[in-house]
Amino acid sequence: GLRAEQSAFRAAVPLALQDEGYRLIKLNPLADWSRQDLVRYVT
């Protein structure tokens, strides 16, 4: 559930990347969502 907006550390998080540590594709389908987008969807 990573989003780029959550913190400076996560600012560049992409929608998908190759995770070399776990040797898999890491998917962040909310990476480009704002907090407002998220609240609207949940509501």
Full PDB file with SEQRES, HELIX, SHEET, SSBOND, CRYST1, ORIGX, SCALE, CONECT and MASTER records, all heavy atoms in Angstrom:
SEQRES   1 A   43  GLY LEU ARG ALA GLU GLN SER ALA PHE ARG ALA ALA VAL          
SEQRES   2 A   43  PRO LEU ALA LEU GLN ASP GLU GLY TYR ARG LEU ILE LYS          
SEQRES   3 A   43  LEU ASN PRO LEU ALA ASP TRP SER ARG GLN ASP LEU VAL          
SEQRES   4 A   43  ARG TYR VAL THR                                              
HELIX    1 AA1 ALA A    4  GLN A    6  5                                   3    
HELIX    2 AA2 ALA A    8  ARG A   10  5                                   3    
HELIX    3 AA3 ARG A   35  VAL A   42  1                                   8    
SHEET    1 AA1 2 ALA A  16  ASP A  19  0                                        
SHEET    2 AA1 2 LEU A  24  LEU A  27 -1                                        
CRYST1    1.000    1.000    1.000  90.00  90.00  90.00 P 1           1          
ORIGX1      1.000000  0.000000  0.000000        0.00000                         
ORIGX2      0.000000  1.000000  0.000000        0.00000                         
ORIGX3      0.000000  0.000000  1.000000        0.00000                         
SCALE1      1.000000  0.000000  0.000000        0.00000                         
SCALE2      0.000000  1.000000  0.000000        0.00000                         
SCALE3      0.000000  0.000000  1.000000        0.00000                         
ATOM      1  N   GLY A   1       0.796  -1.214   0.000  1.00  0.00           N  
ATOM      2  CA  GLY A   1       0.000   0.000   0.000  1.00  0.00           C  
ATOM      3  C   GLY A   1       0.832   1.270   0.000  1.00  0.00           C  
ATOM      4  O   GLY A   1       0.326   2.338   0.383  1.00  0.00           O  
ATOM      5  N   LEU A   2       2.086   1.199  -0.421  1.00  0.00           N  
ATOM      6  CA  LEU A   2       2.941   2.391  -0.430  1.00  0.00           C  
ATOM      7  C   LEU A   2       2.388   3.470  -1.356  1.00  0.00           C  
ATOM      8  O   LEU A   2       1.919   3.192  -2.453  1.00  0.00           O  
ATOM      9  CB  LEU A   2       4.351   2.022  -0.897  1.00  0.00           C  
ATOM     10  CG  LEU A   2       5.196   1.107  -0.010  1.00  0.00           C  
ATOM     11  CD1 LEU A   2       6.574   0.924  -0.620  1.00  0.00           C  
ATOM     12  CD2 LEU A   2       5.304   1.648   1.406  1.00  0.00           C  
ATOM     13  N   ARG A   3       2.479   4.719  -0.884  1.00  0.00           N  
ATOM     14  CA  ARG A   3       2.148   5.884  -1.700  1.00  0.00           C  
ATOM     15  C   ARG A   3       3.312   6.865  -1.656  1.00  0.00           C  
ATOM     16  O   ARG A   3       3.935   7.048  -0.612  1.00  0.00           O  
ATOM     17  CB  ARG A   3       0.883   6.580  -1.190  1.00  0.00           C  
ATOM     18  CG  ARG A   3      -0.404   5.830  -1.439  1.00  0.00           C  
ATOM     19  CD  ARG A   3      -1.637   6.660  -1.083  1.00  0.00           C  
ATOM     20  NE  ARG A   3      -1.649   7.069   0.316  1.00  0.00           N  
ATOM     21  CZ  ARG A   3      -1.499   8.314   0.749  1.00  0.00           C  
ATOM     22  NH1 ARG A   3      -1.293   9.304  -0.122  1.00  0.00           N  
ATOM     23  NH2 ARG A   3      -1.538   8.598   2.039  1.00  0.00           N  
ATOM     24  N   ALA A   4       3.575   7.512  -2.760  1.00  0.00           N  
ATOM     25  CA  ALA A   4       4.692   8.462  -2.825  1.00  0.00           C  
ATOM     26  C   ALA A   4       4.500   9.616  -1.856  1.00  0.00           C  
ATOM     27  O   ALA A   4       5.465  10.169  -1.328  1.00  0.00           O  
ATOM     28  CB  ALA A   4       4.849   8.986  -4.250  1.00  0.00           C  
ATOM     29  N   GLU A   5       3.263   9.982  -1.594  1.00  0.00           N  
ATOM     30  CA  GLU A   5       2.950  11.137  -0.770  1.00  0.00           C  
ATOM     31  C   GLU A   5       3.159  10.887   0.727  1.00  0.00           C  
ATOM     32  O   GLU A   5       3.168  11.830   1.526  1.00  0.00           O  
ATOM     33  CB  GLU A   5       1.490  11.538  -1.027  1.00  0.00           C  
ATOM     34  CG  GLU A   5       1.073  12.882  -0.499  1.00  0.00           C  
ATOM     35  CD  GLU A   5      -0.401  13.146  -0.762  1.00  0.00           C  
ATOM     36  OE1 GLU A   5      -1.250  12.520  -0.099  1.00  0.00           O  
ATOM     37  OE2 GLU A   5      -0.688  13.967  -1.641  1.00  0.00           O  
ATOM     38  N   GLN A   6       3.351   9.636   1.125  1.00  0.00           N  
ATOM     39  CA  GLN A   6       3.399   9.298   2.550  1.00  0.00           C  
ATOM     40  C   GLN A   6       4.598   9.889   3.284  1.00  0.00           C  
ATOM     41  O   GLN A   6       4.502  10.248   4.452  1.00  0.00           O  
ATOM     42  CB  GLN A   6       3.397   7.775   2.736  1.00  0.00           C  
ATOM     43  CG  GLN A   6       2.061   7.135   2.432  1.00  0.00           C  
ATOM     44  CD  GLN A   6       2.145   5.621   2.400  1.00  0.00           C  
ATOM     45  OE1 GLN A   6       3.168   5.040   2.018  1.00  0.00           O  
ATOM     46  NE2 GLN A   6       1.073   4.971   2.801  1.00  0.00           N  
ATOM     47  N   SER A   7       5.746   9.955   2.620  1.00  0.00           N  
ATOM     48  CA  SER A   7       6.948  10.464   3.273  1.00  0.00           C  
ATOM     49  C   SER A   7       8.004  10.779   2.230  1.00  0.00           C  
ATOM     50  O   SER A   7       7.912  10.343   1.079  1.00  0.00           O  
ATOM     51  CB  SER A   7       7.508   9.429   4.268  1.00  0.00           C  
ATOM     52  OG  SER A   7       8.040   8.306   3.583  1.00  0.00           O  
ATOM     53  N   ALA A   8       9.031  11.517   2.641  1.00  0.00           N  
ATOM     54  CA  ALA A   8      10.127  11.835   1.730  1.00  0.00           C  
ATOM     55  C   ALA A   8      10.841  10.571   1.285  1.00  0.00           C  
ATOM     56  O   ALA A   8      11.286  10.453   0.131  1.00  0.00           O  
ATOM     57  CB  ALA A   8      11.106  12.786   2.411  1.00  0.00           C  
ATOM     58  N   PHE A   9      10.973   9.594   2.177  1.00  0.00           N  
ATOM     59  CA  PHE A   9      11.636   8.335   1.855  1.00  0.00           C  
ATOM     60  C   PHE A   9      10.914   7.603   0.724  1.00  0.00           C  
ATOM     61  O   PHE A   9      11.533   6.915  -0.077  1.00  0.00           O  
ATOM     62  CB  PHE A   9      11.686   7.455   3.107  1.00  0.00           C  
ATOM     63  CG  PHE A   9      12.300   6.099   2.883  1.00  0.00           C  
ATOM     64  CD1 PHE A   9      13.678   5.934   2.869  1.00  0.00           C  
ATOM     65  CD2 PHE A   9      11.505   4.979   2.672  1.00  0.00           C  
ATOM     66  CE1 PHE A   9      14.249   4.687   2.667  1.00  0.00           C  
ATOM     67  CE2 PHE A   9      12.063   3.735   2.454  1.00  0.00           C  
ATOM     68  CZ  PHE A   9      13.452   3.586   2.464  1.00  0.00           C  
ATOM     69  N   ARG A  10       9.587   7.784   0.639  1.00  0.00           N  
ATOM     70  CA  ARG A  10       8.783   7.049  -0.328  1.00  0.00           C  
ATOM     71  C   ARG A  10       8.413   7.887  -1.554  1.00  0.00           C  
ATOM     72  O   ARG A  10       7.640   7.449  -2.404  1.00  0.00           O  
ATOM     73  CB  ARG A  10       7.516   6.533   0.354  1.00  0.00           C  
ATOM     74  CG  ARG A  10       7.827   5.568   1.485  1.00  0.00           C  
ATOM     75  CD  ARG A  10       6.594   5.101   2.232  1.00  0.00           C  
ATOM     76  NE  ARG A  10       6.966   4.127   3.266  1.00  0.00           N  
ATOM     77  CZ  ARG A  10       6.098   3.469   4.024  1.00  0.00           C  
ATOM     78  NH1 ARG A  10       4.812   3.690   3.899  1.00  0.00           N  
ATOM     79  NH2 ARG A  10       6.523   2.598   4.932  1.00  0.00           N  
ATOM     80  N   ALA A  11       8.967   9.080  -1.659  1.00  0.00           N  
ATOM     81  CA  ALA A  11       8.542  10.037  -2.685  1.00  0.00           C  
ATOM     82  C   ALA A  11       8.706   9.516  -4.112  1.00  0.00           C  
ATOM     83  O   ALA A  11       7.959   9.906  -4.998  1.00  0.00           O  
ATOM     84  CB  ALA A  11       9.299  11.345  -2.517  1.00  0.00           C  
ATOM     85  N   ALA A  12       9.685   8.665  -4.341  1.00  0.00           N  
ATOM     86  CA  ALA A  12       9.951   8.188  -5.704  1.00  0.00           C  
ATOM     87  C   ALA A  12       9.418   6.783  -5.951  1.00  0.00           C  
ATOM     88  O   ALA A  12       9.785   6.146  -6.935  1.00  0.00           O  
ATOM     89  CB  ALA A  12      11.462   8.223  -5.980  1.00  0.00           C  
ATOM     90  N   VAL A  13       8.546   6.288  -5.084  1.00  0.00           N  
ATOM     91  CA  VAL A  13       8.077   4.915  -5.221  1.00  0.00           C  
ATOM     92  C   VAL A  13       7.302   4.756  -6.535  1.00  0.00           C  
ATOM     93  O   VAL A  13       6.412   5.545  -6.839  1.00  0.00           O  
ATOM     94  CB  VAL A  13       7.216   4.490  -4.009  1.00  0.00           C  
ATOM     95  CG1 VAL A  13       5.940   5.307  -3.911  1.00  0.00           C  
ATOM     96  CG2 VAL A  13       6.881   3.012  -4.064  1.00  0.00           C  
ATOM     97  N   PRO A  14       7.657   3.752  -7.358  1.00  0.00           N  
ATOM     98  CA  PRO A  14       6.962   3.544  -8.635  1.00  0.00           C  
ATOM     99  C   PRO A  14       5.781   2.586  -8.466  1.00  0.00           C  
ATOM    100  O   PRO A  14       5.605   1.963  -7.414  1.00  0.00           O  
ATOM    101  CB  PRO A  14       8.044   2.904  -9.498  1.00  0.00           C  
ATOM    102  CG  PRO A  14       8.850   2.099  -8.518  1.00  0.00           C  
ATOM    103  CD  PRO A  14       8.823   2.862  -7.213  1.00  0.00           C  
ATOM    104  N   LEU A  15       4.983   2.449  -9.503  1.00  0.00           N  
ATOM    105  CA  LEU A  15       3.860   1.515  -9.463  1.00  0.00           C  
ATOM    106  C   LEU A  15       4.335   0.067  -9.455  1.00  0.00           C  
ATOM    107  O   LEU A  15       3.656  -0.809  -8.898  1.00  0.00           O  
ATOM    108  CB  LEU A  15       2.937   1.757 -10.665  1.00  0.00           C  
ATOM    109  CG  LEU A  15       2.142   3.061 -10.624  1.00  0.00           C  
ATOM    110  CD1 LEU A  15       1.532   3.358 -11.981  1.00  0.00           C  
ATOM    111  CD2 LEU A  15       1.061   2.997  -9.554  1.00  0.00           C  
ATOM    112  N   ALA A  16       5.480  -0.190 -10.055  1.00  0.00           N  
ATOM    113  CA  ALA A  16       6.044  -1.549 -10.059  1.00  0.00           C  
ATOM    114  C   ALA A  16       7.552  -1.444 -10.212  1.00  0.00           C  
ATOM    115  O   ALA A  16       8.054  -0.555 -10.899  1.00  0.00           O  
ATOM    116  CB  ALA A  16       5.456  -2.381 -11.199  1.00  0.00           C  
ATOM    117  N   LEU A  17       8.262  -2.334  -9.558  1.00  0.00           N  
ATOM    118  CA  LEU A  17       9.717  -2.378  -9.670  1.00  0.00           C  
ATOM    119  C   LEU A  17      10.210  -3.776  -9.380  1.00  0.00           C  
ATOM    120  O   LEU A  17       9.518  -4.587  -8.753  1.00  0.00           O  
ATOM    121  CB  LEU A  17      10.382  -1.392  -8.710  1.00  0.00           C  
ATOM    122  CG  LEU A  17      10.387  -1.739  -7.213  1.00  0.00           C  
ATOM    123  CD1 LEU A  17      11.539  -1.028  -6.511  1.00  0.00           C  
ATOM    124  CD2 LEU A  17       9.071  -1.364  -6.559  1.00  0.00           C  
ATOM    125  N   GLN A  18      11.415  -4.046  -9.811  1.00  0.00           N  
ATOM    126  CA  GLN A  18      12.066  -5.310  -9.496  1.00  0.00           C  
ATOM    127  C   GLN A  18      12.720  -5.187  -8.131  1.00  0.00           C  
ATOM    128  O   GLN A  18      13.582  -4.338  -7.926  1.00  0.00           O  
ATOM    129  CB  GLN A  18      13.115  -5.666 -10.553  1.00  0.00           C  
ATOM    130  CG  GLN A  18      13.855  -6.966 -10.291  1.00  0.00           C  
ATOM    131  CD  GLN A  18      12.963  -8.190 -10.443  1.00  0.00           C  
ATOM    132  OE1 GLN A  18      11.969  -8.140 -11.162  1.00  0.00           O  
ATOM    133  NE2 GLN A  18      13.324  -9.265  -9.778  1.00  0.00           N  
ATOM    134  N   ASP A  19      12.278  -5.973  -7.168  1.00  0.00           N  
ATOM    135  CA  ASP A  19      12.854  -5.977  -5.827  1.00  0.00           C  
ATOM    136  C   ASP A  19      13.960  -7.032  -5.791  1.00  0.00           C  
ATOM    137  O   ASP A  19      13.687  -8.238  -5.774  1.00  0.00           O  
ATOM    138  CB  ASP A  19      11.774  -6.288  -4.790  1.00  0.00           C  
ATOM    139  CG  ASP A  19      12.255  -6.102  -3.361  1.00  0.00           C  
ATOM    140  OD1 ASP A  19      13.297  -6.683  -3.012  1.00  0.00           O  
ATOM    141  OD2 ASP A  19      11.584  -5.389  -2.596  1.00  0.00           O  
ATOM    142  N   GLU A  20      15.208  -6.570  -5.796  1.00  0.00           N  
ATOM    143  CA  GLU A  20      16.336  -7.493  -5.855  1.00  0.00           C  
ATOM    144  C   GLU A  20      16.534  -8.244  -4.547  1.00  0.00           C  
ATOM    145  O   GLU A  20      17.076  -9.346  -4.524  1.00  0.00           O  
ATOM    146  CB  GLU A  20      17.621  -6.730  -6.214  1.00  0.00           C  
ATOM    147  CG  GLU A  20      17.582  -6.036  -7.574  1.00  0.00           C  
ATOM    148  CD  GLU A  20      17.442  -7.021  -8.730  1.00  0.00           C  
ATOM    149  OE1 GLU A  20      17.691  -8.230  -8.532  1.00  0.00           O  
ATOM    150  OE2 GLU A  20      17.057  -6.573  -9.831  1.00  0.00           O  
ATOM    151  N   GLY A  21      16.123  -7.630  -3.433  1.00  0.00           N  
ATOM    152  CA  GLY A  21      16.277  -8.297  -2.144  1.00  0.00           C  
ATOM    153  C   GLY A  21      15.428  -9.543  -2.033  1.00  0.00           C  
ATOM    154  O   GLY A  21      15.901 -10.607  -1.612  1.00  0.00           O  
ATOM    155  N   TYR A  22      14.156  -9.431  -2.415  1.00  0.00           N  
ATOM    156  CA  TYR A  22      13.239 -10.571  -2.326  1.00  0.00           C  
ATOM    157  C   TYR A  22      13.091 -11.310  -3.650  1.00  0.00           C  
ATOM    158  O   TYR A  22      12.355 -12.292  -3.732  1.00  0.00           O  
ATOM    159  CB  TYR A  22      11.873 -10.102  -1.827  1.00  0.00           C  
ATOM    160  CG  TYR A  22      11.897  -9.665  -0.376  1.00  0.00           C  
ATOM    161  CD1 TYR A  22      11.776  -8.320  -0.034  1.00  0.00           C  
ATOM    162  CD2 TYR A  22      12.072 -10.587   0.650  1.00  0.00           C  
ATOM    163  CE1 TYR A  22      11.804  -7.909   1.302  1.00  0.00           C  
ATOM    164  CE2 TYR A  22      12.101 -10.191   1.986  1.00  0.00           C  
ATOM    165  CZ  TYR A  22      11.972  -8.854   2.298  1.00  0.00           C  
ATOM    166  OH  TYR A  22      12.011  -8.465   3.620  1.00  0.00           O  
ATOM    167  N   ARG A  23      13.733 -10.813  -4.691  1.00  0.00           N  
ATOM    168  CA  ARG A  23      13.736 -11.463  -6.005  1.00  0.00           C  
ATOM    169  C   ARG A  23      12.313 -11.661  -6.536  1.00  0.00           C  
ATOM    170  O   ARG A  23      11.900 -12.767  -6.889  1.00  0.00           O  
ATOM    171  CB  ARG A  23      14.496 -12.796  -5.958  1.00  0.00           C  
ATOM    172  CG  ARG A  23      15.957 -12.626  -5.603  1.00  0.00           C  
ATOM    173  CD  ARG A  23      16.713 -13.945  -5.629  1.00  0.00           C  
ATOM    174  NE  ARG A  23      18.095 -13.769  -5.272  1.00  0.00           N  
ATOM    175  CZ  ARG A  23      19.056 -13.370  -6.091  1.00  0.00           C  
ATOM    176  NH1 ARG A  23      18.773 -13.126  -7.357  1.00  0.00           N  
ATOM    177  NH2 ARG A  23      20.308 -13.244  -5.681  1.00  0.00           N  
ATOM    178  N   LEU A  24      11.587 -10.571  -6.586  1.00  0.00           N  
ATOM    179  CA  LEU A  24      10.221 -10.579  -7.096  1.00  0.00           C  
ATOM    180  C   LEU A  24       9.863  -9.188  -7.604  1.00  0.00           C  
ATOM    181  O   LEU A  24      10.649  -8.247  -7.472  1.00  0.00           O  
ATOM    182  CB  LEU A  24       9.237 -11.024  -6.003  1.00  0.00           C  
ATOM    183  CG  LEU A  24       9.347 -10.425  -4.584  1.00  0.00           C  
ATOM    184  CD1 LEU A  24       8.996  -8.946  -4.535  1.00  0.00           C  
ATOM    185  CD2 LEU A  24       8.458 -11.181  -3.622  1.00  0.00           C  
ATOM    186  N   ILE A  25       8.689  -9.055  -8.197  1.00  0.00           N  
ATOM    187  CA  ILE A  25       8.202  -7.748  -8.600  1.00  0.00           C  
ATOM    188  C   ILE A  25       7.371  -7.176  -7.459  1.00  0.00           C  
ATOM    189  O   ILE A  25       6.454  -7.825  -6.958  1.00  0.00           O  
ATOM    190  CB  ILE A  25       7.389  -7.813  -9.897  1.00  0.00           C  
ATOM    191  CG1 ILE A  25       8.309  -8.113 -11.083  1.00  0.00           C  
ATOM    192  CG2 ILE A  25       6.657  -6.496 -10.144  1.00  0.00           C  
ATOM    193  CD1 ILE A  25       7.629  -8.106 -12.431  1.00  0.00           C  
ATOM    194  N   LYS A  26       7.729  -5.977  -7.045  1.00  0.00           N  
ATOM    195  CA  LYS A  26       7.000  -5.288  -5.981  1.00  0.00           C  
ATOM    196  C   LYS A  26       6.017  -4.327  -6.634  1.00  0.00           C  
ATOM    197  O   LYS A  26       6.398  -3.480  -7.436  1.00  0.00           O  
ATOM    198  CB  LYS A  26       7.983  -4.538  -5.086  1.00  0.00           C  
ATOM    199  CG  LYS A  26       7.357  -3.895  -3.869  1.00  0.00           C  
ATOM    200  CD  LYS A  26       8.462  -3.310  -2.990  1.00  0.00           C  
ATOM    201  CE  LYS A  26       7.922  -2.665  -1.741  1.00  0.00           C  
ATOM    202  NZ  LYS A  26       9.019  -2.119  -0.894  1.00  0.00           N  
ATOM    203  N   LEU A  27       4.769  -4.454  -6.250  1.00  0.00           N  
ATOM    204  CA  LEU A  27       3.690  -3.691  -6.859  1.00  0.00           C  
ATOM    205  C   LEU A  27       3.123  -2.707  -5.849  1.00  0.00           C  
ATOM    206  O   LEU A  27       2.759  -3.086  -4.735  1.00  0.00           O  
ATOM    207  CB  LEU A  27       2.589  -4.646  -7.329  1.00  0.00           C  
ATOM    208  CG  LEU A  27       3.071  -5.713  -8.316  1.00  0.00           C  
ATOM    209  CD1 LEU A  27       2.201  -6.950  -8.235  1.00  0.00           C  
ATOM    210  CD2 LEU A  27       3.102  -5.161  -9.723  1.00  0.00           C  
ATOM    211  N   ASN A  28       3.071  -1.451  -6.245  1.00  0.00           N  
ATOM    212  CA  ASN A  28       2.558  -0.389  -5.381  1.00  0.00           C  
ATOM    213  C   ASN A  28       1.411   0.307  -6.118  1.00  0.00           C  
ATOM    214  O   ASN A  28       1.585   1.414  -6.645  1.00  0.00           O  
ATOM    215  CB  ASN A  28       3.680   0.605  -5.062  1.00  0.00           C  
ATOM    216  CG  ASN A  28       4.930  -0.089  -4.560  1.00  0.00           C  
ATOM    217  OD1 ASN A  28       4.899  -0.788  -3.562  1.00  0.00           O  
ATOM    218  ND2 ASN A  28       6.036   0.105  -5.265  1.00  0.00           N  
ATOM    219  N   PRO A  29       0.233  -0.318  -6.178  1.00  0.00           N  
ATOM    220  CA  PRO A  29      -0.832   0.180  -7.057  1.00  0.00           C  
ATOM    221  C   PRO A  29      -1.421   1.526  -6.646  1.00  0.00           C  
ATOM    222  O   PRO A  29      -2.165   2.126  -7.428  1.00  0.00           O  
ATOM    223  CB  PRO A  29      -1.890  -0.924  -6.987  1.00  0.00           C  
ATOM    224  CG  PRO A  29      -1.639  -1.598  -5.674  1.00  0.00           C  
ATOM    225  CD  PRO A  29      -0.148  -1.557  -5.494  1.00  0.00           C  
ATOM    226  N   LEU A  30      -1.088   2.024  -5.445  1.00  0.00           N  
ATOM    227  CA  LEU A  30      -1.559   3.333  -5.005  1.00  0.00           C  
ATOM    228  C   LEU A  30      -0.434   4.370  -5.011  1.00  0.00           C  
ATOM    229  O   LEU A  30      -0.604   5.458  -4.454  1.00  0.00           O  
ATOM    230  CB  LEU A  30      -2.151   3.246  -3.590  1.00  0.00           C  
ATOM    231  CG  LEU A  30      -3.327   2.292  -3.391  1.00  0.00           C  
ATOM    232  CD1 LEU A  30      -3.782   2.332  -1.938  1.00  0.00           C  
ATOM    233  CD2 LEU A  30      -4.477   2.628  -4.313  1.00  0.00           C  
ATOM    234  N   ALA A  31       0.678   4.061  -5.624  1.00  0.00           N  
ATOM    235  CA  ALA A  31       1.865   4.920  -5.548  1.00  0.00           C  
ATOM    236  C   ALA A  31       1.575   6.367  -5.923  1.00  0.00           C  
ATOM    237  O   ALA A  31       2.113   7.294  -5.311  1.00  0.00           O  
ATOM    238  CB  ALA A  31       2.984   4.360  -6.430  1.00  0.00           C  
ATOM    239  N   ASP A  32       0.724   6.583  -6.905  1.00  0.00           N  
ATOM    240  CA  ASP A  32       0.461   7.936  -7.394  1.00  0.00           C  
ATOM    241  C   ASP A  32      -0.843   8.525  -6.861  1.00  0.00           C  
ATOM    242  O   ASP A  32      -1.296   9.569  -7.333  1.00  0.00           O  
ATOM    243  CB  ASP A  32       0.455   7.951  -8.927  1.00  0.00           C  
ATOM    244  CG  ASP A  32      -0.526   6.962  -9.540  1.00  0.00           C  
ATOM    245  OD1 ASP A  32      -1.147   6.179  -8.782  1.00  0.00           O  
ATOM    246  OD2 ASP A  32      -0.685   6.950 -10.779  1.00  0.00           O  
ATOM    247  N   TRP A  33      -1.436   7.889  -5.867  1.00  0.00           N  
ATOM    248  CA  TRP A  33      -2.673   8.406  -5.287  1.00  0.00           C  
ATOM    249  C   TRP A  33      -2.353   9.436  -4.200  1.00  0.00           C  
ATOM    250  O   TRP A  33      -1.419   9.272  -3.417  1.00  0.00           O  
ATOM    251  CB  TRP A  33      -3.480   7.273  -4.653  1.00  0.00           C  
ATOM    252  CG  TRP A  33      -4.284   6.450  -5.607  1.00  0.00           C  
ATOM    253  CD1 TRP A  33      -3.969   6.161  -6.904  1.00  0.00           C  
ATOM    254  CD2 TRP A  33      -5.522   5.789  -5.323  1.00  0.00           C  
ATOM    255  NE1 TRP A  33      -4.936   5.347  -7.446  1.00  0.00           N  
ATOM    256  CE2 TRP A  33      -5.900   5.099  -6.496  1.00  0.00           C  
ATOM    257  CE3 TRP A  33      -6.320   5.704  -4.200  1.00  0.00           C  
ATOM    258  CZ2 TRP A  33      -7.064   4.340  -6.562  1.00  0.00           C  
ATOM    259  CZ3 TRP A  33      -7.480   4.941  -4.262  1.00  0.00           C  
ATOM    260  CH2 TRP A  33      -7.847   4.275  -5.443  1.00  0.00           C  
ATOM    261  N   SER A  34      -3.180  10.462  -4.124  1.00  0.00           N  
ATOM    262  CA  SER A  34      -3.102  11.418  -3.016  1.00  0.00           C  
ATOM    263  C   SER A  34      -3.939  10.899  -1.849  1.00  0.00           C  
ATOM    264  O   SER A  34      -4.732   9.951  -2.003  1.00  0.00           O  
ATOM    265  CB  SER A  34      -3.629  12.789  -3.456  1.00  0.00           C  
ATOM    266  OG  SER A  34      -5.034  12.718  -3.679  1.00  0.00           O  
ATOM    267  N   ARG A  35      -3.777  11.541  -0.704  1.00  0.00           N  
ATOM    268  CA  ARG A  35      -4.622  11.189   0.444  1.00  0.00           C  
ATOM    269  C   ARG A  35      -6.100  11.414   0.102  1.00  0.00           C  
ATOM    270  O   ARG A  35      -6.971  10.628   0.485  1.00  0.00           O  
ATOM    271  CB  ARG A  35      -4.222  12.032   1.659  1.00  0.00           C  
ATOM    272  CG  ARG A  35      -4.982  11.689   2.940  1.00  0.00           C  
ATOM    273  CD  ARG A  35      -4.413  10.466   3.581  1.00  0.00           C  
ATOM    274  NE  ARG A  35      -5.102  10.114   4.818  1.00  0.00           N  
ATOM    275  CZ  ARG A  35      -4.782   9.066   5.565  1.00  0.00           C  
ATOM    276  NH1 ARG A  35      -3.787   8.277   5.193  1.00  0.00           N  
ATOM    277  NH2 ARG A  35      -5.446   8.792   6.666  1.00  0.00           N  
ATOM    278  N   GLN A  36      -6.371  12.482  -0.643  1.00  0.00           N  
ATOM    279  CA  GLN A  36      -7.743  12.786  -1.028  1.00  0.00           C  
ATOM    280  C   GLN A  36      -8.316  11.698  -1.940  1.00  0.00           C  
ATOM    281  O   GLN A  36      -9.484  11.314  -1.812  1.00  0.00           O  
ATOM    282  CB  GLN A  36      -7.804  14.149  -1.735  1.00  0.00           C  
ATOM    283  CG  GLN A  36      -7.571  15.348  -0.833  1.00  0.00           C  
ATOM    284  CD  GLN A  36      -6.093  15.504  -0.406  1.00  0.00           C  
ATOM    285  OE1 GLN A  36      -5.190  14.994  -1.073  1.00  0.00           O  
ATOM    286  NE2 GLN A  36      -5.875  16.212   0.686  1.00  0.00           N  
ATOM    287  N   ASP A  37      -7.495  11.207  -2.874  1.00  0.00           N  
ATOM    288  CA  ASP A  37      -7.932  10.107  -3.746  1.00  0.00           C  
ATOM    289  C   ASP A  37      -8.321   8.898  -2.905  1.00  0.00           C  
ATOM    290  O   ASP A  37      -9.341   8.238  -3.154  1.00  0.00           O  
ATOM    291  CB  ASP A  37      -6.813   9.691  -4.699  1.00  0.00           C  
ATOM    292  CG  ASP A  37      -6.445  10.753  -5.710  1.00  0.00           C  
ATOM    293  OD1 ASP A  37      -7.323  11.574  -6.059  1.00  0.00           O  
ATOM    294  OD2 ASP A  37      -5.281  10.760  -6.144  1.00  0.00           O  
ATOM    295  N   LEU A  38      -7.492   8.609  -1.920  1.00  0.00           N  
ATOM    296  CA  LEU A  38      -7.693   7.433  -1.077  1.00  0.00           C  
ATOM    297  C   LEU A  38      -8.979   7.555  -0.255  1.00  0.00           C  
ATOM    298  O   LEU A  38      -9.799   6.624  -0.213  1.00  0.00           O  
ATOM    299  CB  LEU A  38      -6.480   7.269  -0.166  1.00  0.00           C  
ATOM    300  CG  LEU A  38      -6.467   6.094   0.804  1.00  0.00           C  
ATOM    301  CD1 LEU A  38      -6.541   4.768   0.061  1.00  0.00           C  
ATOM    302  CD2 LEU A  38      -5.206   6.149   1.671  1.00  0.00           C  
ATOM    303  N   VAL A  39      -9.149   8.697   0.392  1.00  0.00           N  
ATOM    304  CA  VAL A  39     -10.344   8.916   1.213  1.00  0.00           C  
ATOM    305  C   VAL A  39     -11.607   8.854   0.358  1.00  0.00           C  
ATOM    306  O   VAL A  39     -12.622   8.258   0.757  1.00  0.00           O  
ATOM    307  CB  VAL A  39     -10.240  10.262   1.954  1.00  0.00           C  
ATOM    308  CG1 VAL A  39     -11.572  10.616   2.621  1.00  0.00           C  
ATOM    309  CG2 VAL A  39      -9.125  10.220   2.999  1.00  0.00           C  
ATOM    310  N   ARG A  40     -11.542   9.414  -0.831  1.00  0.00           N  
ATOM    311  CA  ARG A  40     -12.701   9.388  -1.730  1.00  0.00           C  
ATOM    312  C   ARG A  40     -13.067   7.949  -2.103  1.00  0.00           C  
ATOM    313  O   ARG A  40     -14.253   7.577  -2.107  1.00  0.00           O  
ATOM    314  CB  ARG A  40     -12.401  10.206  -2.984  1.00  0.00           C  
ATOM    315  CG  ARG A  40     -13.601  10.367  -3.920  1.00  0.00           C  
ATOM    316  CD  ARG A  40     -13.243  11.157  -5.173  1.00  0.00           C  
ATOM    317  NE  ARG A  40     -12.610  12.420  -4.834  1.00  0.00           N  
ATOM    318  CZ  ARG A  40     -11.344  12.725  -5.102  1.00  0.00           C  
ATOM    319  NH1 ARG A  40     -10.562  11.836  -5.720  1.00  0.00           N  
ATOM    320  NH2 ARG A  40     -10.846  13.899  -4.769  1.00  0.00           N  
ATOM    321  N   TYR A  41     -12.064   7.147  -2.423  1.00  0.00           N  
ATOM    322  CA  TYR A  41     -12.325   5.752  -2.808  1.00  0.00           C  
ATOM    323  C   TYR A  41     -12.948   4.976  -1.657  1.00  0.00           C  
ATOM    324  O   TYR A  41     -13.932   4.237  -1.835  1.00  0.00           O  
ATOM    325  CB  TYR A  41     -11.011   5.090  -3.248  1.00  0.00           C  
ATOM    326  CG  TYR A  41     -11.163   3.653  -3.693  1.00  0.00           C  
ATOM    327  CD1 TYR A  41     -11.401   3.336  -5.029  1.00  0.00           C  
ATOM    328  CD2 TYR A  41     -11.068   2.598  -2.780  1.00  0.00           C  
ATOM    329  CE1 TYR A  41     -11.547   2.019  -5.448  1.00  0.00           C  
ATOM    330  CE2 TYR A  41     -11.217   1.274  -3.185  1.00  0.00           C  
ATOM    331  CZ  TYR A  41     -11.460   0.999  -4.515  1.00  0.00           C  
ATOM    332  OH  TYR A  41     -11.607  -0.313  -4.919  1.00  0.00           O  
ATOM    333  N   VAL A  42     -12.390   5.123  -0.466  1.00  0.00           N  
ATOM    334  CA  VAL A  42     -12.899   4.412   0.706  1.00  0.00           C  
ATOM    335  C   VAL A  42     -14.323   4.854   1.026  1.00  0.00           C  
ATOM    336  O   VAL A  42     -15.201   4.029   1.329  1.00  0.00           O  
ATOM    337  CB  VAL A  42     -11.960   4.631   1.918  1.00  0.00           C  
ATOM    338  CG1 VAL A  42     -12.603   4.166   3.211  1.00  0.00           C  
ATOM    339  CG2 VAL A  42     -10.637   3.900   1.693  1.00  0.00           C  
ATOM    340  N   THR A  43     -14.577   6.145   0.925  1.00  0.00           N  
ATOM    341  CA  THR A  43     -15.919   6.675   1.204  1.00  0.00           C  
ATOM    342  C   THR A  43     -16.927   6.215   0.166  1.00  0.00           C  
ATOM    343  O   THR A  43     -18.023   5.729   0.506  1.00  0.00           O  
ATOM    344  CB  THR A  43     -15.880   8.214   1.247  1.00  0.00           C  
ATOM    345  OG1 THR A  43     -14.944   8.633   2.254  1.00  0.00           O  
ATOM    346  CG2 THR A  43     -17.248   8.776   1.568  1.00  0.00           C  
TER     347      THR A  43                                                      
MASTER        0    0    0    3    2    0    0    6  346    1    0    4          
END                                                                             
